[in-house]
Amino acid sequence: MPVHAYTPEYRGEVRDRAENFHGNHVVYVCWERHLLFSCPFSFLVPKGMTFRQLRDQLMAEAYGQHPEWRQIDWEQVNWTLSHQSFQPELDKALDEQGIGHKASVRFSTPGLNGISGASI
């Protein structure tokens, strides 16, 4: 997600470049329509991490407190990667699927709309 200065003469050092993360990537993940979480989670992940590891370890730890987490039918989940429809390959590395530094992964779960339907 690029950030642009309001004035053309601003010259600041970009500190969140990929090369500053020692082979890791920052990946943002958002569970759509689940207002218990006010913003996407950001995860620092190694380039070789698989999507299954992201989902079953990091996402499960972050979102597992939500009462609907265990009800998710993963076959029905809709995924987007940087605002484009996306179908992850669970056992493929994130970087092989285009999930690079500062990528945005969003998922929606049909039929699950937050605690007591709060997102509606």
PDB file of N, CA and C in Angstrom:
ATOM      1  N   MET A   1       0.853  -1.169   0.000  1.00  0.00           N
ATOM      2  CA  MET A   1       0.000   0.000   0.000  1.00  0.00           C
ATOM      3  C   MET A   1       0.898   1.231   0.000  1.00  0.00           C
ATOM      4  N   PRO A   2       1.046   1.897  -1.135  1.00  0.00           N
ATOM      5  CA  PRO A   2       1.910   3.061  -1.181  1.00  0.00           C
ATOM      6  C   PRO A   2       1.295   4.252  -0.466  1.00  0.00           C
ATOM      7  N   VAL A   3       2.149   5.061   0.093  1.00  0.00           N
ATOM      8  CA  VAL A   3       1.729   6.299   0.745  1.00  0.00           C
ATOM      9  C   VAL A   3       2.413   7.437   0.015  1.00  0.00           C
ATOM     10  N   HIS A   4       1.674   8.478  -0.284  1.00  0.00           N
ATOM     11  CA  HIS A   4       2.219   9.618  -1.005  1.00  0.00           C
ATOM     12  C   HIS A   4       2.160  10.849  -0.112  1.00  0.00           C
ATOM     13  N   ALA A   5       3.234  11.629  -0.138  1.00  0.00           N
ATOM     14  CA  ALA A   5       3.291  12.859   0.642  1.00  0.00           C
ATOM     15  C   ALA A   5       2.377  13.909   0.027  1.00  0.00           C
ATOM     16  N   TYR A   6       1.912  14.824   0.864  1.00  0.00           N
ATOM     17  CA  TYR A   6       1.067  15.911   0.380  1.00  0.00           C
ATOM     18  C   TYR A   6       1.870  16.969  -0.371  1.00  0.00           C
ATOM     19  N   THR A   7       3.153  17.022  -0.123  1.00  0.00           N
ATOM     20  CA  THR A   7       3.973  18.015  -0.801  1.00  0.00           C
ATOM     21  C   THR A   7       5.047  17.308  -1.616  1.00  0.00           C
ATOM     22  N   PRO A   8       5.269  17.739  -2.849  1.00  0.00           N
ATOM     23  CA  PRO A   8       6.230  17.056  -3.722  1.00  0.00           C
ATOM     24  C   PRO A   8       7.670  17.123  -3.220  1.00  0.00           C
ATOM     25  N   GLU A   9       8.006  18.119  -2.411  1.00  0.00           N
ATOM     26  CA  GLU A   9       9.393  18.266  -1.959  1.00  0.00           C
ATOM     27  C   GLU A   9       9.723  17.382  -0.743  1.00  0.00           C
ATOM     28  N   TYR A  10       8.739  16.680  -0.204  1.00  0.00           N
ATOM     29  CA  TYR A  10       9.008  15.800   0.950  1.00  0.00           C
ATOM     30  C   TYR A  10       9.894  14.640   0.524  1.00  0.00           C
ATOM     31  N   ARG A  11      10.935  14.396   1.271  1.00  0.00           N
ATOM     32  CA  ARG A  11      11.855  13.297   1.001  1.00  0.00           C
ATOM     33  C   ARG A  11      12.117  12.560   2.312  1.00  0.00           C
ATOM     34  N   GLY A  12      11.394  11.506   2.549  1.00  0.00           N
ATOM     35  CA  GLY A  12      11.595  10.717   3.761  1.00  0.00           C
ATOM     36  C   GLY A  12      12.111   9.336   3.422  1.00  0.00           C
ATOM     37  N   GLU A  13      12.764   8.723   4.374  1.00  0.00           N
ATOM     38  CA  GLU A  13      13.265   7.374   4.168  1.00  0.00           C
ATOM     39  C   GLU A  13      12.129   6.378   4.371  1.00  0.00           C
ATOM     40  N   VAL A  14      11.951   5.486   3.413  1.00  0.00           N
ATOM     41  CA  VAL A  14      10.923   4.450   3.514  1.00  0.00           C
ATOM     42  C   VAL A  14      11.499   3.317   4.351  1.00  0.00           C
ATOM     43  N   ARG A  15      10.945   3.102   5.520  1.00  0.00           N
ATOM     44  CA  ARG A  15      11.506   2.117   6.442  1.00  0.00           C
ATOM     45  C   ARG A  15      10.794   0.768   6.395  1.00  0.00           C
ATOM     46  N   ASP A  16       9.664   0.691   5.699  1.00  0.00           N
ATOM     47  CA  ASP A  16       8.948  -0.588   5.671  1.00  0.00           C
ATOM     48  C   ASP A  16       9.137  -1.311   4.342  1.00  0.00           C
ATOM     49  N   ARG A  17      10.279  -1.085   3.703  1.00  0.00           N
ATOM     50  CA  ARG A  17      10.609  -1.801   2.466  1.00  0.00           C
ATOM     51  C   ARG A  17      10.827  -3.276   2.779  1.00  0.00           C
ATOM     52  N   ALA A  18      10.541  -4.134   1.819  1.00  0.00           N
ATOM     53  CA  ALA A  18      10.671  -5.581   2.007  1.00  0.00           C
ATOM     54  C   ALA A  18      12.068  -5.979   2.463  1.00  0.00           C
ATOM     55  N   GLU A  19      13.091  -5.335   1.917  1.00  0.00           N
ATOM     56  CA  GLU A  19      14.459  -5.717   2.275  1.00  0.00           C
ATOM     57  C   GLU A  19      14.814  -5.426   3.735  1.00  0.00           C
ATOM     58  N   ASN A  20      13.988  -4.653   4.422  1.00  0.00           N
ATOM     59  CA  ASN A  20      14.229  -4.370   5.840  1.00  0.00           C
ATOM     60  C   ASN A  20      13.632  -5.434   6.763  1.00  0.00           C
ATOM     61  N   PHE A  21      13.005  -6.469   6.197  1.00  0.00           N
ATOM     62  CA  PHE A  21      12.334  -7.482   7.018  1.00  0.00           C
ATOM     63  C   PHE A  21      13.038  -8.841   6.976  1.00  0.00           C
ATOM     64  N   HIS A  22      14.279  -8.865   6.520  1.00  0.00           N
ATOM     65  CA  HIS A  22      15.156 -10.047   6.615  1.00  0.00           C
ATOM     66  C   HIS A  22      14.517 -11.317   6.058  1.00  0.00           C
ATOM     67  N   GLY A  23      13.942 -11.225   4.875  1.00  0.00           N
ATOM     68  CA  GLY A  23      13.362 -12.405   4.235  1.00  0.00           C
ATOM     69  C   GLY A  23      11.920 -12.682   4.621  1.00  0.00           C
ATOM     70  N   ASN A  24      11.327 -11.837   5.425  1.00  0.00           N
ATOM     71  CA  ASN A  24       9.924 -11.994   5.831  1.00  0.00           C
ATOM     72  C   ASN A  24       9.061 -10.984   5.086  1.00  0.00           C
ATOM     73  N   HIS A  25       7.765 -11.212   5.152  1.00  0.00           N
ATOM     74  CA  HIS A  25       6.787 -10.286   4.577  1.00  0.00           C
ATOM     75  C   HIS A  25       5.783  -9.904   5.652  1.00  0.00           C
ATOM     76  N   VAL A  26       5.252  -8.701   5.550  1.00  0.00           N
ATOM     77  CA  VAL A  26       4.092  -8.308   6.336  1.00  0.00           C
ATOM     78  C   VAL A  26       2.876  -8.588   5.456  1.00  0.00           C
ATOM     79  N   VAL A  27       1.916  -9.354   5.992  1.00  0.00           N
ATOM     80  CA  VAL A  27       0.693  -9.674   5.263  1.00  0.00           C
ATOM     81  C   VAL A  27      -0.487  -9.241   6.124  1.00  0.00           C
ATOM     82  N   TYR A  28      -1.415  -8.506   5.533  1.00  0.00           N
ATOM     83  CA  TYR A  28      -2.610  -8.049   6.231  1.00  0.00           C
ATOM     84  C   TYR A  28      -3.765  -9.000   5.918  1.00  0.00           C
ATOM     85  N   VAL A  29      -4.506  -9.402   6.951  1.00  0.00           N
ATOM     86  CA  VAL A  29      -5.629 -10.326   6.772  1.00  0.00           C
ATOM     87  C   VAL A  29      -6.853  -9.738   7.464  1.00  0.00           C
ATOM     88  N   CYS A  30      -7.982  -9.721   6.742  1.00  0.00           N
ATOM     89  CA  CYS A  30      -9.226  -9.179   7.274  1.00  0.00           C
ATOM     90  C   CYS A  30     -10.366 -10.167   7.077  1.00  0.00           C
ATOM     91  N   TRP A  31     -11.126 -10.422   8.126  1.00  0.00           N
ATOM     92  CA  TRP A  31     -12.333 -11.251   8.073  1.00  0.00           C
ATOM     93  C   TRP A  31     -13.502 -10.302   7.889  1.00  0.00           C
ATOM     94  N   GLU A  32     -14.025 -10.258   6.693  1.00  0.00           N
ATOM     95  CA  GLU A  32     -15.108  -9.337   6.351  1.00  0.00           C
ATOM     96  C   GLU A  32     -16.341  -9.566   7.235  1.00  0.00           C
ATOM     97  N   ARG A  33     -17.023  -8.475   7.564  1.00  0.00           N
ATOM     98  CA  ARG A  33     -18.303  -8.477   8.276  1.00  0.00           C
ATOM     99  C   ARG A  33     -18.203  -8.981   9.717  1.00  0.00           C
ATOM    100  N   HIS A  34     -17.031  -8.983  10.287  1.00  0.00           N
ATOM    101  CA  HIS A  34     -16.860  -9.438  11.666  1.00  0.00           C
ATOM    102  C   HIS A  34     -16.293  -8.295  12.497  1.00  0.00           C
ATOM    103  N   LEU A  35     -17.210  -7.556  13.091  1.00  0.00           N
ATOM    104  CA  LEU A  35     -16.890  -6.293  13.737  1.00  0.00           C
ATOM    105  C   LEU A  35     -16.212  -6.446  15.094  1.00  0.00           C
ATOM    106  N   LEU A  36     -16.073  -7.676  15.585  1.00  0.00           N
ATOM    107  CA  LEU A  36     -15.312  -7.890  16.811  1.00  0.00           C
ATOM    108  C   LEU A  36     -13.864  -7.444  16.592  1.00  0.00           C
ATOM    109  N   PHE A  37     -13.415  -7.477  15.338  1.00  0.00           N
ATOM    110  CA  PHE A  37     -12.054  -7.096  14.976  1.00  0.00           C
ATOM    111  C   PHE A  37     -12.126  -5.772  14.223  1.00  0.00           C
ATOM    112  N   SER A  38     -11.576  -4.733  14.787  1.00  0.00           N
ATOM    113  CA  SER A  38     -11.771  -3.390  14.239  1.00  0.00           C
ATOM    114  C   SER A  38     -10.955  -3.108  12.980  1.00  0.00           C
ATOM    115  N   CYS A  39      -9.961  -3.917  12.712  1.00  0.00           N
ATOM    116  CA  CYS A  39      -9.120  -3.686  11.546  1.00  0.00           C
ATOM    117  C   CYS A  39      -8.443  -5.002  11.156  1.00  0.00           C
ATOM    118  N   PRO A  40      -7.831  -5.050   9.989  1.00  0.00           N
ATOM    119  CA  PRO A  40      -7.117  -6.276   9.605  1.00  0.00           C
ATOM    120  C   PRO A  40      -5.963  -6.561  10.568  1.00  0.00           C
ATOM    121  N   PHE A  41      -5.650  -7.829  10.709  1.00  0.00           N
ATOM    122  CA  PHE A  41      -4.459  -8.220  11.455  1.00  0.00           C
ATOM    123  C   PHE A  41      -3.272  -8.122  10.516  1.00  0.00           C
ATOM    124  N   SER A  42      -2.128  -7.775  11.056  1.00  0.00           N
ATOM    125  CA  SER A  42      -0.898  -7.823  10.259  1.00  0.00           C
ATOM    126  C   SER A  42      -0.018  -8.921  10.831  1.00  0.00           C
ATOM    127  N   PHE A  43       0.466  -9.764   9.937  1.00  0.00           N
ATOM    128  CA  PHE A  43       1.293 -10.894  10.324  1.00  0.00           C
ATOM    129  C   PHE A  43       2.656 -10.761   9.659  1.00  0.00           C
ATOM    130  N   LEU A  44       3.706 -11.045  10.408  1.00  0.00           N
ATOM    131  CA  LEU A  44       5.045 -11.123   9.850  1.00  0.00           C
ATOM    132  C   LEU A  44       5.292 -12.586   9.542  1.00  0.00           C
ATOM    133  N   VAL A  45       5.438 -12.901   8.260  1.00  0.00           N
ATOM    134  CA  VAL A  45       5.516 -14.302   7.840  1.00  0.00           C
ATOM    135  C   VAL A  45       6.766 -14.537   7.001  1.00  0.00           C
ATOM    136  N   PRO A  46       7.359 -15.730   7.136  1.00  0.00           N
ATOM    137  CA  PRO A  46       8.476 -16.062   6.251  1.00  0.00           C
ATOM    138  C   PRO A  46       7.962 -16.302   4.836  1.00  0.00           C
ATOM    139  N   LYS A  47       8.777 -15.996   3.850  1.00  0.00           N
ATOM    140  CA  LYS A  47       8.375 -16.151   2.451  1.00  0.00           C
ATOM    141  C   LYS A  47       7.915 -17.567   2.132  1.00  0.00           C
ATOM    142  N   GLY A  48       8.504 -18.569   2.747  1.00  0.00           N
ATOM    143  CA  GLY A  48       8.180 -19.960   2.446  1.00  0.00           C
ATOM    144  C   GLY A  48       6.961 -20.506   3.161  1.00  0.00           C
ATOM    145  N   MET A  49       6.294 -19.697   4.002  1.00  0.00           N
ATOM    146  CA  MET A  49       5.115 -20.177   4.725  1.00  0.00           C
ATOM    147  C   MET A  49       4.016 -20.546   3.737  1.00  0.00           C
ATOM    148  N   THR A  50       3.333 -21.664   3.995  1.00  0.00           N
ATOM    149  CA  THR A  50       2.222 -22.059   3.128  1.00  0.00           C
ATOM    150  C   THR A  50       0.943 -21.347   3.560  1.00  0.00           C
ATOM    151  N   PHE A  51      -0.011 -21.344   2.648  1.00  0.00           N
ATOM    152  CA  PHE A  51      -1.296 -20.735   2.984  1.00  0.00           C
ATOM    153  C   PHE A  51      -1.968 -21.521   4.108  1.00  0.00           C
ATOM    154  N   ARG A  52      -1.808 -22.835   4.115  1.00  0.00           N
ATOM    155  CA  ARG A  52      -2.392 -23.655   5.191  1.00  0.00           C
ATOM    156  C   ARG A  52      -1.822 -23.237   6.552  1.00  0.00           C
ATOM    157  N   GLN A  53      -0.534 -22.981   6.623  1.00  0.00           N
ATOM    158  CA  GLN A  53       0.069 -22.537   7.881  1.00  0.00           C
ATOM    159  C   GLN A  53      -0.474 -21.175   8.295  1.00  0.00           C
ATOM    160  N   LEU A  54      -0.612 -20.275   7.331  1.00  0.00           N
ATOM    161  CA  LEU A  54      -1.187 -18.966   7.630  1.00  0.00           C
ATOM    162  C   LEU A  54      -2.585 -19.127   8.203  1.00  0.00           C
ATOM    163  N   ARG A  55      -3.422 -19.916   7.528  1.00  0.00           N
ATOM    164  CA  ARG A  55      -4.817 -20.090   7.947  1.00  0.00           C
ATOM    165  C   ARG A  55      -4.928 -20.847   9.275  1.00  0.00           C
ATOM    166  N   ASP A  56      -4.268 -22.005   9.360  1.00  0.00           N
ATOM    167  CA  ASP A  56      -4.484 -22.898  10.499  1.00  0.00           C
ATOM    168  C   ASP A  56      -3.678 -22.526  11.740  1.00  0.00           C
ATOM    169  N   GLN A  57      -2.662 -21.711  11.583  1.00  0.00           N
ATOM    170  CA  GLN A  57      -1.873 -21.312  12.742  1.00  0.00           C
ATOM    171  C   GLN A  57      -2.107 -19.839  13.083  1.00  0.00           C
ATOM    172  N   LEU A  58      -1.644 -18.943  12.224  1.00  0.00           N
ATOM    173  CA  LEU A  58      -1.718 -17.520  12.547  1.00  0.00           C
ATOM    174  C   LEU A  58      -3.143 -16.985  12.587  1.00  0.00           C
ATOM    175  N   MET A  59      -3.923 -17.279  11.537  1.00  0.00           N
ATOM    176  CA  MET A  59      -5.296 -16.788  11.517  1.00  0.00           C
ATOM    177  C   MET A  59      -6.121 -17.436  12.625  1.00  0.00           C
ATOM    178  N   ALA A  60      -5.910 -18.717  12.869  1.00  0.00           N
ATOM    179  CA  ALA A  60      -6.664 -19.400  13.925  1.00  0.00           C
ATOM    180  C   ALA A  60      -6.362 -18.791  15.290  1.00  0.00           C
ATOM    181  N   GLU A  61      -5.111 -18.434  15.520  1.00  0.00           N
ATOM    182  CA  GLU A  61      -4.756 -17.814  16.794  1.00  0.00           C
ATOM    183  C   GLU A  61      -5.390 -16.431  16.924  1.00  0.00           C
ATOM    184  N   ALA A  62      -5.371 -15.669  15.840  1.00  0.00           N
ATOM    185  CA  ALA A  62      -5.903 -14.312  15.882  1.00  0.00           C
ATOM    186  C   ALA A  62      -7.427 -14.276  15.942  1.00  0.00           C
ATOM    187  N   TYR A  63      -8.088 -15.096  15.128  1.00  0.00           N
ATOM    188  CA  TYR A  63      -9.542 -15.048  15.015  1.00  0.00           C
ATOM    189  C   TYR A  63     -10.260 -16.118  15.832  1.00  0.00           C
ATOM    190  N   GLY A  64      -9.522 -17.059  16.383  1.00  0.00           N
ATOM    191  CA  GLY A  64     -10.131 -18.198  17.067  1.00  0.00           C
ATOM    192  C   GLY A  64     -11.010 -17.858  18.245  1.00  0.00           C
ATOM    193  N   GLN A  65     -10.841 -16.685  18.830  1.00  0.00           N
ATOM    194  CA  GLN A  65     -11.688 -16.284  19.950  1.00  0.00           C
ATOM    195  C   GLN A  65     -13.124 -15.970  19.518  1.00  0.00           C
ATOM    196  N   HIS A  66     -13.337 -15.728  18.231  1.00  0.00           N
ATOM    197  CA  HIS A  66     -14.673 -15.411  17.741  1.00  0.00           C
ATOM    198  C   HIS A  66     -15.530 -16.678  17.744  1.00  0.00           C
ATOM    199  N   PRO A  67     -16.764 -16.599  18.241  1.00  0.00           N
ATOM    200  CA  PRO A  67     -17.599 -17.801  18.320  1.00  0.00           C
ATOM    201  C   PRO A  67     -17.942 -18.428  16.970  1.00  0.00           C
ATOM    202  N   GLU A  68     -17.828 -17.696  15.875  1.00  0.00           N
ATOM    203  CA  GLU A  68     -18.139 -18.266  14.566  1.00  0.00           C
ATOM    204  C   GLU A  68     -16.931 -18.931  13.895  1.00  0.00           C
ATOM    205  N   TRP A  69     -15.751 -18.759  14.441  1.00  0.00           N
ATOM    206  CA  TRP A  69     -14.554 -19.297  13.793  1.00  0.00           C
ATOM    207  C   TRP A  69     -14.677 -20.792  13.534  1.00  0.00           C
ATOM    208  N   ARG A  70     -15.140 -21.540  14.509  1.00  0.00           N
ATOM    209  CA  ARG A  70     -15.233 -23.003  14.367  1.00  0.00           C
ATOM    210  C   ARG A  70     -16.362 -23.435  13.419  1.00  0.00           C
ATOM    211  N   GLN A  71     -17.216 -22.511  13.036  1.00  0.00           N
ATOM    212  CA  GLN A  71     -18.322 -22.829  12.136  1.00  0.00           C
ATOM    213  C   GLN A  71     -17.976 -22.607  10.664  1.00  0.00           C
ATOM    214  N   ILE A  72     -16.809 -22.090  10.394  1.00  0.00           N
ATOM    215  CA  ILE A  72     -16.452 -21.761   9.009  1.00  0.00           C
ATOM    216  C   ILE A  72     -16.374 -23.023   8.153  1.00  0.00           C
ATOM    217  N   ASP A  73     -17.062 -22.979   7.022  1.00  0.00           N
ATOM    218  CA  ASP A  73     -16.947 -24.013   5.996  1.00  0.00           C
ATOM    219  C   ASP A  73     -15.929 -23.483   4.991  1.00  0.00           C
ATOM    220  N   TRP A  74     -14.704 -23.956   5.082  1.00  0.00           N
ATOM    221  CA  TRP A  74     -13.617 -23.406   4.279  1.00  0.00           C
ATOM    222  C   TRP A  74     -13.827 -23.610   2.785  1.00  0.00           C
ATOM    223  N   GLU A  75     -14.662 -24.556   2.410  1.00  0.00           N
ATOM    224  CA  GLU A  75     -14.955 -24.751   0.988  1.00  0.00           C
ATOM    225  C   GLU A  75     -15.825 -23.624   0.435  1.00  0.00           C
ATOM    226  N   GLN A  76     -16.537 -22.911   1.305  1.00  0.00           N
ATOM    227  CA  GLN A  76     -17.449 -21.849   0.876  1.00  0.00           C
ATOM    228  C   GLN A  76     -16.865 -20.438   1.022  1.00  0.00           C
ATOM    229  N   VAL A  77     -15.689 -20.322   1.594  1.00  0.00           N
ATOM    230  CA  VAL A  77     -15.090 -19.008   1.851  1.00  0.00           C
ATOM    231  C   VAL A  77     -14.733 -18.317   0.542  1.00  0.00           C
ATOM    232  N   ASN A  78     -15.001 -17.032   0.489  1.00  0.00           N
ATOM    233  CA  ASN A  78     -14.608 -16.189  -0.643  1.00  0.00           C
ATOM    234  C   ASN A  78     -13.360 -15.407  -0.240  1.00  0.00           C
ATOM    235  N   TRP A  79     -12.336 -15.482  -1.072  1.00  0.00           N
ATOM    236  CA  TRP A  79     -11.056 -14.846  -0.792  1.00  0.00           C
ATOM    237  C   TRP A  79     -10.778 -13.744  -1.802  1.00  0.00           C
ATOM    238  N   THR A  80     -10.127 -12.682  -1.350  1.00  0.00           N
ATOM    239  CA  THR A  80      -9.578 -11.684  -2.253  1.00  0.00           C
ATOM    240  C   THR A  80      -8.132 -11.427  -1.860  1.00  0.00           C
ATOM    241  N   LEU A  81      -7.337 -11.168  -2.862  1.00  0.00           N
ATOM    242  CA  LEU A  81      -5.935 -10.795  -2.679  1.00  0.00           C
ATOM    243  C   LEU A  81      -5.750  -9.457  -3.358  1.00  0.00           C
ATOM    244  N   SER A  82      -5.464  -8.449  -2.550  1.00  0.00           N
ATOM    245  CA  SER A  82      -5.301  -7.086  -3.073  1.00  0.00           C
ATOM    246  C   SER A  82      -6.469  -6.693  -3.978  1.00  0.00           C
ATOM    247  N   HIS A  83      -7.674  -6.928  -3.490  1.00  0.00           N
ATOM    248  CA  HIS A  83      -8.944  -6.526  -4.117  1.00  0.00           C
ATOM    249  C   HIS A  83      -9.317  -7.326  -5.358  1.00  0.00           C
ATOM    250  N   GLN A  84      -8.662  -8.451  -5.603  1.00  0.00           N
ATOM    251  CA  GLN A  84      -8.995  -9.322  -6.722  1.00  0.00           C
ATOM    252  C   GLN A  84      -9.410 -10.683  -6.184  1.00  0.00           C
ATOM    253  N   SER A  85     -10.424 -11.291  -6.794  1.00  0.00           N
ATOM    254  CA  SER A  85     -10.849 -12.626  -6.398  1.00  0.00           C
ATOM    255  C   SER A  85      -9.648 -13.569  -6.456  1.00  0.00           C
ATOM    256  N   PHE A  86      -9.593 -14.480  -5.501  1.00  0.00           N
ATOM    257  CA  PHE A  86      -8.393 -15.301  -5.324  1.00  0.00           C
ATOM    258  C   PHE A  86      -8.796 -16.642  -4.736  1.00  0.00           C
ATOM    259  N   GLN A  87      -8.214 -17.714  -5.227  1.00  0.00           N
ATOM    260  CA  GLN A  87      -8.437 -19.047  -4.658  1.00  0.00           C
ATOM    261  C   GLN A  87      -7.086 -19.583  -4.185  1.00  0.00           C
ATOM    262  N   PRO A  88      -6.843 -19.557  -2.872  1.00  0.00           N
ATOM    263  CA  PRO A  88      -5.530 -19.980  -2.383  1.00  0.00           C
ATOM    264  C   PRO A  88      -5.302 -21.474  -2.561  1.00  0.00           C
ATOM    265  N   GLU A  89      -4.052 -21.824  -2.766  1.00  0.00           N
ATOM    266  CA  GLU A  89      -3.622 -23.216  -2.784  1.00  0.00           C
ATOM    267  C   GLU A  89      -2.977 -23.472  -1.425  1.00  0.00           C
ATOM    268  N   LEU A  90      -3.616 -24.314  -0.628  1.00  0.00           N
ATOM    269  CA  LEU A  90      -3.239 -24.467   0.773  1.00  0.00           C
ATOM    270  C   LEU A  90      -1.794 -24.878   1.002  1.00  0.00           C
ATOM    271  N   ASP A  91      -1.261 -25.740   0.173  1.00  0.00           N
ATOM    272  CA  ASP A  91       0.074 -26.264   0.432  1.00  0.00           C
ATOM    273  C   ASP A  91       1.170 -25.604  -0.400  1.00  0.00           C
ATOM    274  N   LYS A  92       0.835 -24.487  -1.010  1.00  0.00           N
ATOM    275  CA  LYS A  92       1.798 -23.707  -1.763  1.00  0.00           C
ATOM    276  C   LYS A  92       2.259 -22.525  -0.913  1.00  0.00           C
ATOM    277  N   ALA A  93       3.524 -22.141  -1.078  1.00  0.00           N
ATOM    278  CA  ALA A  93       4.060 -21.004  -0.332  1.00  0.00           C
ATOM    279  C   ALA A  93       3.310 -19.723  -0.697  1.00  0.00           C
ATOM    280  N   LEU A  94       3.212 -18.818   0.261  1.00  0.00           N
ATOM    281  CA  LEU A  94       2.512 -17.551   0.045  1.00  0.00           C
ATOM    282  C   LEU A  94       3.112 -16.786  -1.124  1.00  0.00           C
ATOM    283  N   ASP A  95       4.442 -16.662  -1.150  1.00  0.00           N
ATOM    284  CA  ASP A  95       5.060 -15.872  -2.210  1.00  0.00           C
ATOM    285  C   ASP A  95       4.862 -16.490  -3.589  1.00  0.00           C
ATOM    286  N   GLU A  96       4.693 -17.799  -3.665  1.00  0.00           N
ATOM    287  CA  GLU A  96       4.419 -18.456  -4.951  1.00  0.00           C
ATOM    288  C   GLU A  96       3.026 -18.107  -5.473  1.00  0.00           C
ATOM    289  N   GLN A  97       2.153 -17.640  -4.577  1.00  0.00           N
ATOM    290  CA  GLN A  97       0.778 -17.311  -4.953  1.00  0.00           C
ATOM    291  C   GLN A  97       0.568 -15.803  -5.093  1.00  0.00           C
ATOM    292  N   GLY A  98       1.659 -15.071  -5.069  1.00  0.00           N
ATOM    293  CA  GLY A  98       1.552 -13.621  -5.219  1.00  0.00           C
ATOM    294  C   GLY A  98       1.255 -12.895  -3.932  1.00  0.00           C
ATOM    295  N   ILE A  99       1.355 -13.584  -2.805  1.00  0.00           N
ATOM    296  CA  ILE A  99       1.120 -12.944  -1.510  1.00  0.00           C
ATOM    297  C   ILE A  99       2.474 -12.477  -1.000  1.00  0.00           C
ATOM    298  N   GLY A 100       2.805 -11.252  -1.373  1.00  0.00           N
ATOM    299  CA  GLY A 100       4.101 -10.699  -1.036  1.00  0.00           C
ATOM    300  C   GLY A 100       4.018  -9.679   0.083  1.00  0.00           C
ATOM    301  N   HIS A 101       5.078  -8.898   0.198  1.00  0.00           N
ATOM    302  CA  HIS A 101       5.192  -7.905   1.264  1.00  0.00           C
ATOM    303  C   HIS A 101       4.064  -6.879   1.175  1.00  0.00           C
ATOM    304  N   LYS A 102       3.368  -6.705   2.271  1.00  0.00           N
ATOM    305  CA  LYS A 102       2.266  -5.762   2.441  1.00  0.00           C
ATOM    306  C   LYS A 102       1.042  -6.109   1.595  1.00  0.00           C
ATOM    307  N   ALA A 103       0.874  -7.401   1.283  1.00  0.00           N
ATOM    308  CA  ALA A 103      -0.314  -7.855   0.556  1.00  0.00           C
ATOM    309  C   ALA A 103      -1.531  -7.805   1.482  1.00  0.00           C
ATOM    310  N   SER A 104      -2.685  -7.624   0.893  1.00  0.00           N
ATOM    311  CA  SER A 104      -3.948  -7.592   1.623  1.00  0.00           C
ATOM    312  C   SER A 104      -4.783  -8.810   1.245  1.00  0.00           C
ATOM    313  N   VAL A 105      -5.018  -9.688   2.230  1.00  0.00           N
ATOM    314  CA  VAL A 105      -5.846 -10.879   2.041  1.00  0.00           C
ATOM    315  C   VAL A 105      -7.130 -10.666   2.831  1.00  0.00           C
ATOM    316  N   ARG A 106      -8.259 -10.799   2.163  1.00  0.00           N
ATOM    317  CA  ARG A 106      -9.557 -10.634   2.829  1.00  0.00           C
ATOM    318  C   ARG A 106     -10.370 -11.893   2.576  1.00  0.00           C
ATOM    319  N   PHE A 107     -11.185 -12.259   3.563  1.00  0.00           N
ATOM    320  CA  PHE A 107     -12.045 -13.420   3.367  1.00  0.00           C
ATOM    321  C   PHE A 107     -13.411 -13.165   3.955  1.00  0.00           C
ATOM    322  N   SER A 108     -14.423 -13.690   3.258  1.00  0.00           N
ATOM    323  CA  SER A 108     -15.797 -13.587   3.744  1.00  0.00           C
ATOM    324  C   SER A 108     -16.350 -14.993   3.867  1.00  0.00           C
ATOM    325  N   THR A 109     -17.228 -15.158   4.837  1.00  0.00           N
ATOM    326  CA  THR A 109     -17.767 -16.469   5.180  1.00  0.00           C
ATOM    327  C   THR A 109     -19.280 -16.437   5.016  1.00  0.00           C
ATOM    328  N   PRO A 110     -19.794 -16.904   3.878  1.00  0.00           N
ATOM    329  CA  PRO A 110     -21.237 -16.868   3.630  1.00  0.00           C
ATOM    330  C   PRO A 110     -22.024 -17.517   4.767  1.00  0.00           C
ATOM    331  N   GLY A 111     -23.038 -16.804   5.232  1.00  0.00           N
ATOM    332  CA  GLY A 111     -23.891 -17.304   6.305  1.00  0.00           C
ATOM    333  C   GLY A 111     -23.408 -16.958   7.694  1.00  0.00           C
ATOM    334  N   LEU A 112     -22.176 -16.501   7.814  1.00  0.00           N
ATOM    335  CA  LEU A 112     -21.633 -16.073   9.104  1.00  0.00           C
ATOM    336  C   LEU A 112     -21.404 -14.582   9.021  1.00  0.00           C
ATOM    337  N   ASN A 113     -22.165 -13.821   9.785  1.00  0.00           N
ATOM    338  CA  ASN A 113     -22.167 -12.369   9.673  1.00  0.00           C
ATOM    339  C   ASN A 113     -21.866 -11.676  10.985  1.00  0.00           C
ATOM    340  N   GLY A 114     -21.023 -12.253  11.805  1.00  0.00           N
ATOM    341  CA  GLY A 114     -20.682 -11.628  13.070  1.00  0.00           C
ATOM    342  C   GLY A 114     -21.620 -12.063  14.179  1.00  0.00           C
ATOM    343  N   ILE A 115     -21.260 -11.712  15.383  1.00  0.00           N
ATOM    344  CA  ILE A 115     -22.039 -12.096  16.561  1.00  0.00           C
ATOM    345  C   ILE A 115     -23.459 -11.551  16.440  1.00  0.00           C
ATOM    346  N   SER A 116     -24.436 -12.444  16.469  1.00  0.00           N
ATOM    347  CA  SER A 116     -25.854 -12.097  16.346  1.00  0.00           C
ATOM    348  C   SER A 116     -26.140 -11.288  15.087  1.00  0.00           C
ATOM    349  N   GLY A 117     -25.380 -11.545  14.018  1.00  0.00           N
ATOM    350  CA  GLY A 117     -25.595 -10.823  12.763  1.00  0.00           C
ATOM    351  C   GLY A 117     -25.242  -9.365  12.841  1.00  0.00           C
ATOM    352  N   ALA A 118     -24.337  -8.990  13.748  1.00  0.00           N
ATOM    353  CA  ALA A 118     -24.021  -7.591  14.024  1.00  0.00           C
ATOM    354  C   ALA A 118     -23.536  -6.806  12.822  1.00  0.00           C
ATOM    355  N   SER A 119     -23.041  -7.475  11.793  1.00  0.00           N
ATOM    356  CA  SER A 119     -22.501  -6.714  10.660  1.00  0.00           C
ATOM    357  C   SER A 119     -23.587  -6.264   9.690  1.00  0.00           C
ATOM    358  N   ILE A 120     -24.781  -6.737   9.867  1.00  0.00           N
ATOM    359  CA  ILE A 120     -25.854  -6.401   8.935  1.00  0.00           C
ATOM    360  C   ILE A 120     -26.478  -5.071   9.293  1.00  0.00           C
TER     361      ILE A 120
END
